[in-house]
Amino acid sequence: MSNKTQKKLTKLEEKLKDFSDLLNTLSSTEDKKKLLWKETYQNAIEDRENASILVTDLLLQIRGNLTNHQTYGTIMTKYLERMAKSNDQILKLAELVAKEQESANTISPDDIFNEIGGD
């Protein structure tokens, strides 16, 4: 395995760990939901990384060659769309996690009333 590949793999593992650590701060969130979010995140960043590798490979083949550009341009578009979809998934996950954090930090007036003995 090349040094560059090893660095990318390490960075991917760090991102997964950071996201997992973030999910672990959500104590009121179900473990099943956390697992699903983690798997979704992992798939999205892996898809994005794989598409990036393929785009880079095609860029090297296309550079300065109009015929190759015409041949591979549509394929490159699909890879870029895959990267965009992965980014959208990550953004949606960020929204879901933020919403979960917000609801976990919100204290309802009923909860306060019950806490001070108003049952």
Protein backbone atom coordinates (compact mmCIF):
# COMPACT_ATOMS: atom_id res chain seq x y z
CA MET A 1 0.00 0.00 0.00
CA SER A 2 1.42 3.39 -0.98
CA ASN A 3 2.08 6.09 1.57
CA LYS A 4 -0.57 8.32 -0.04
CA THR A 5 -3.18 5.55 0.15
CA GLN A 6 -2.27 4.89 3.79
CA LYS A 7 -2.69 8.58 4.63
CA LYS A 8 -6.13 8.66 2.98
CA LEU A 9 -7.17 5.53 4.86
CA THR A 10 -5.97 7.02 8.15
CA LYS A 11 -7.86 10.24 7.44
CA LEU A 12 -11.00 8.27 6.65
CA GLU A 13 -10.68 6.34 9.93
CA GLU A 14 -10.20 9.62 11.83
CA LYS A 15 -13.34 11.08 10.27
CA LEU A 16 -15.32 7.99 11.23
CA LYS A 17 -13.99 8.11 14.79
CA ASP A 18 -14.81 11.83 15.10
CA PHE A 19 -18.35 11.23 13.83
CA SER A 20 -18.76 8.25 16.15
CA ASP A 21 -17.55 10.36 19.08
CA LEU A 22 -20.09 13.03 18.15
CA LEU A 23 -22.87 10.46 18.08
CA ASN A 24 -21.80 9.15 21.48
CA THR A 25 -22.52 12.57 22.98
CA LEU A 26 -26.19 12.08 22.10
CA SER A 27 -27.11 10.05 25.16
CA SER A 28 -30.85 10.16 24.53
CA THR A 29 -30.57 8.90 20.94
CA GLU A 30 -31.29 5.25 20.24
CA ASP A 31 -28.27 3.07 19.49
CA LYS A 32 -29.95 1.75 16.32
CA LYS A 33 -30.30 5.29 15.00
CA LYS A 34 -26.67 6.06 15.83
CA LEU A 35 -25.53 2.90 14.05
CA LEU A 36 -27.59 3.75 10.97
CA TRP A 37 -26.21 7.29 10.90
CA LYS A 38 -22.65 6.01 11.29
CA GLU A 39 -23.09 3.52 8.44
CA THR A 40 -24.63 6.22 6.25
CA TYR A 41 -21.74 8.56 7.01
CA GLN A 42 -19.17 5.86 6.32
CA ASN A 43 -20.79 4.96 2.99
CA ALA A 44 -21.01 8.61 1.96
CA ILE A 45 -17.37 9.42 2.65
CA GLU A 46 -16.19 6.19 1.04
CA ASP A 47 -18.33 6.86 -2.05
CA ARG A 48 -16.99 10.39 -2.24
CA GLU A 49 -13.39 9.21 -1.91
CA ASN A 50 -13.82 6.48 -4.52
CA ALA A 51 -15.45 8.90 -6.97
CA SER A 52 -12.62 11.37 -6.36
CA ILE A 53 -10.04 8.71 -7.24
CA LEU A 54 -11.90 7.88 -10.45
CA VAL A 55 -12.25 11.55 -11.42
CA THR A 56 -8.53 12.07 -10.87
CA ASP A 57 -7.75 9.03 -13.02
CA LEU A 58 -9.97 10.31 -15.83
CA LEU A 59 -8.50 13.80 -15.62
CA LEU A 60 -5.08 12.32 -16.30
CA GLN A 61 -6.41 10.47 -19.35
CA ILE A 62 -8.40 13.42 -20.69
CA ARG A 63 -5.76 16.13 -20.28
CA GLY A 64 -4.90 17.56 -23.68
CA ASN A 65 -6.79 14.92 -25.65
CA LEU A 66 -10.07 16.06 -27.18
CA THR A 67 -11.08 12.53 -28.22
CA ASN A 68 -10.64 11.18 -24.70
CA HIS A 69 -12.50 14.20 -23.34
CA GLN A 70 -15.47 13.42 -25.56
CA THR A 71 -15.27 9.73 -24.68
CA TYR A 72 -14.91 10.08 -20.91
CA GLY A 73 -16.71 13.37 -20.24
CA THR A 74 -20.07 11.69 -19.56
CA ILE A 75 -18.48 9.16 -17.23
CA MET A 76 -16.71 11.93 -15.33
CA THR A 77 -20.04 13.73 -14.94
CA LYS A 78 -21.49 10.62 -13.29
CA TYR A 79 -18.57 10.44 -10.87
CA LEU A 80 -19.00 14.12 -10.00
CA GLU A 81 -22.73 13.54 -9.46
CA ARG A 82 -21.88 10.67 -7.10
CA MET A 83 -19.59 12.99 -5.16
CA ALA A 84 -22.36 15.61 -4.98
CA LYS A 85 -24.88 13.03 -3.73
CA SER A 86 -22.41 11.94 -1.06
CA ASN A 87 -21.98 15.55 0.00
CA ASP A 88 -25.76 15.93 0.17
CA GLN A 89 -25.99 12.83 2.38
CA ILE A 90 -23.36 14.23 4.73
CA LEU A 91 -25.18 17.57 4.91
CA LYS A 92 -28.48 15.82 5.65
CA LEU A 93 -26.79 13.80 8.40
CA ALA A 94 -25.38 17.01 9.86
CA GLU A 95 -28.90 18.46 9.93
CA LEU A 96 -30.30 15.34 11.62
CA VAL A 97 -27.55 15.27 14.24
CA ALA A 98 -27.91 19.01 14.91
CA LYS A 99 -31.66 18.59 15.31
CA GLU A 100 -31.09 15.68 17.69
CA GLN A 101 -28.58 17.73 19.70
CA GLU A 102 -31.02 20.62 19.87
CA SER A 103 -33.88 18.43 21.08
CA ALA A 104 -31.61 16.80 23.67
CA ASN A 105 -30.64 20.22 25.02
CA THR A 106 -34.19 21.55 25.12
CA ILE A 107 -35.95 21.42 28.43
CA SER A 108 -39.70 21.62 28.29
CA PRO A 109 -41.64 23.64 30.84
CA ASP A 110 -43.44 20.41 31.84
CA ASP A 111 -40.08 18.78 32.64
CA ILE A 112 -39.09 21.74 34.82
CA PHE A 113 -42.46 21.69 36.56
CA ASN A 114 -42.14 17.97 37.24
CA GLU A 115 -38.57 18.39 38.49
CA ILE A 116 -39.52 21.00 41.08
CA GLY A 117 -42.24 18.77 42.43
CA GLY A 118 -45.29 20.01 40.62
CA ASP A 119 -46.62 16.51 39.80
